[in-house]
Amino acid sequence: MRSVNFSDDNLAVQWQYLKRNLGELGVLYQFDDFESQAHGIIKRLMQDCVNEEFALQVRAERYEHAPHRLDERQGTYERNFTTTFGTSRI
């Protein structure tokens, strides 16, 4: 049996091997759904972290008008975030 290296720098490669092998077995469709759910969870997690960091820096929640507010939010823009499941836009 071949040894498997699950180090951080090799995890994406191992995930691709797993997907290929599952595709050959005919069960890949279940993991495609898993992968799309993982993208959604990662996107929500990252966006929530960014929103929380903004709230801490500004000292006010989104759309909150507070006298102790330090700054304002000025627009948004998208970024790519790459994980072992692929690239997600946040």
Protein backbone atom coordinates (compact mmCIF):
# COMPACT_ATOMS: atom_id res chain seq x y z
CA MET A 1 0.00 0.00 0.00
CA ARG A 2 1.28 3.46 -0.91
CA SER A 3 1.77 5.97 1.91
CA VAL A 4 -0.24 9.17 1.75
CA ASN A 5 1.17 12.58 2.68
CA PHE A 6 -1.51 14.84 4.22
CA SER A 7 0.76 17.80 4.94
CA ASP A 8 -0.67 21.26 4.32
CA ASP A 9 1.22 21.76 1.07
CA ASN A 10 0.05 18.39 -0.31
CA LEU A 11 -3.58 18.40 0.83
CA ALA A 12 -4.96 19.94 -2.38
CA VAL A 13 -3.20 17.29 -4.48
CA GLN A 14 -4.59 14.49 -2.30
CA TRP A 15 -8.10 16.00 -2.59
CA GLN A 16 -7.80 15.91 -6.39
CA TYR A 17 -6.72 12.24 -6.26
CA LEU A 18 -9.70 11.45 -4.04
CA LYS A 19 -12.10 13.18 -6.43
CA ARG A 20 -10.63 11.31 -9.41
CA ASN A 21 -10.90 7.95 -7.66
CA LEU A 22 -14.46 8.61 -6.53
CA GLY A 23 -15.35 9.65 -10.06
CA GLU A 24 -14.03 6.33 -11.34
CA LEU A 25 -16.19 4.55 -8.76
CA GLY A 26 -19.26 6.55 -9.80
CA VAL A 27 -19.86 8.32 -6.48
CA LEU A 28 -18.39 11.70 -7.36
CA TYR A 29 -21.79 13.38 -7.65
CA GLN A 30 -22.13 13.25 -3.86
CA PHE A 31 -18.80 15.02 -3.41
CA ASP A 32 -19.59 17.67 -6.02
CA ASP A 33 -22.50 18.71 -3.80
CA PHE A 34 -20.20 18.59 -0.77
CA GLU A 35 -17.68 20.80 -2.57
CA SER A 36 -20.30 23.42 -3.49
CA GLN A 37 -21.54 23.44 0.12
CA ALA A 38 -17.94 23.84 1.32
CA HIS A 39 -17.54 26.87 -0.99
CA GLY A 40 -20.68 28.44 0.49
CA ILE A 41 -19.60 27.81 4.08
CA ILE A 42 -16.10 29.19 3.45
CA LYS A 43 -17.56 32.27 1.75
CA ARG A 44 -19.96 32.96 4.65
CA LEU A 45 -17.23 32.36 7.25
CA MET A 46 -14.77 34.73 5.57
CA GLN A 47 -17.42 37.41 4.99
CA ASP A 48 -18.57 37.19 8.62
CA CYS A 49 -14.95 37.58 9.78
CA VAL A 50 -14.47 40.63 7.55
CA ASN A 51 -17.73 42.20 8.77
CA GLU A 52 -16.76 41.58 12.39
CA GLU A 53 -13.35 43.17 11.85
CA PHE A 54 -15.02 46.21 10.26
CA ALA A 55 -17.39 46.52 13.21
CA LEU A 56 -14.46 46.44 15.65
CA GLN A 57 -12.52 49.05 13.71
CA VAL A 58 -15.48 51.38 13.13
CA ARG A 59 -17.02 50.69 16.58
CA ALA A 60 -20.48 50.39 15.02
CA GLU A 61 -22.41 47.70 13.20
CA ARG A 62 -23.42 48.00 9.58
CA TYR A 63 -26.07 50.75 9.10
CA GLU A 64 -25.80 51.70 12.79
CA HIS A 65 -25.72 55.42 13.53
CA ALA A 66 -23.83 55.74 16.78
CA PRO A 67 -22.24 58.80 18.40
CA HIS A 68 -19.08 56.81 19.21
CA ARG A 69 -18.60 55.71 15.59
CA LEU A 70 -15.00 56.26 14.43
CA ASP A 71 -15.28 55.84 10.68
CA GLU A 72 -17.58 54.97 7.79
CA ARG A 73 -17.71 52.09 5.37
CA GLN A 74 -16.94 53.22 1.85
CA GLY A 75 -18.02 50.71 -0.79
CA THR A 76 -17.18 47.08 -1.39
CA TYR A 77 -15.08 45.01 -3.74
CA GLU A 78 -14.64 41.29 -4.31
CA ARG A 79 -11.55 39.20 -3.57
CA ASN A 80 -10.61 35.63 -4.42
CA PHE A 81 -9.88 33.22 -1.58
CA THR A 82 -8.21 29.92 -2.51
CA THR A 83 -8.59 26.76 -0.42
CA THR A 84 -8.20 23.04 -1.06
CA PHE A 85 -11.76 23.10 -2.42
CA GLY A 86 -10.86 25.69 -5.05
CA THR A 87 -11.29 29.45 -5.30
CA SER A 88 -14.19 31.30 -3.71
CA ARG A 89 -15.12 34.96 -4.26
CA ILE A 90 -15.87 36.97 -1.15
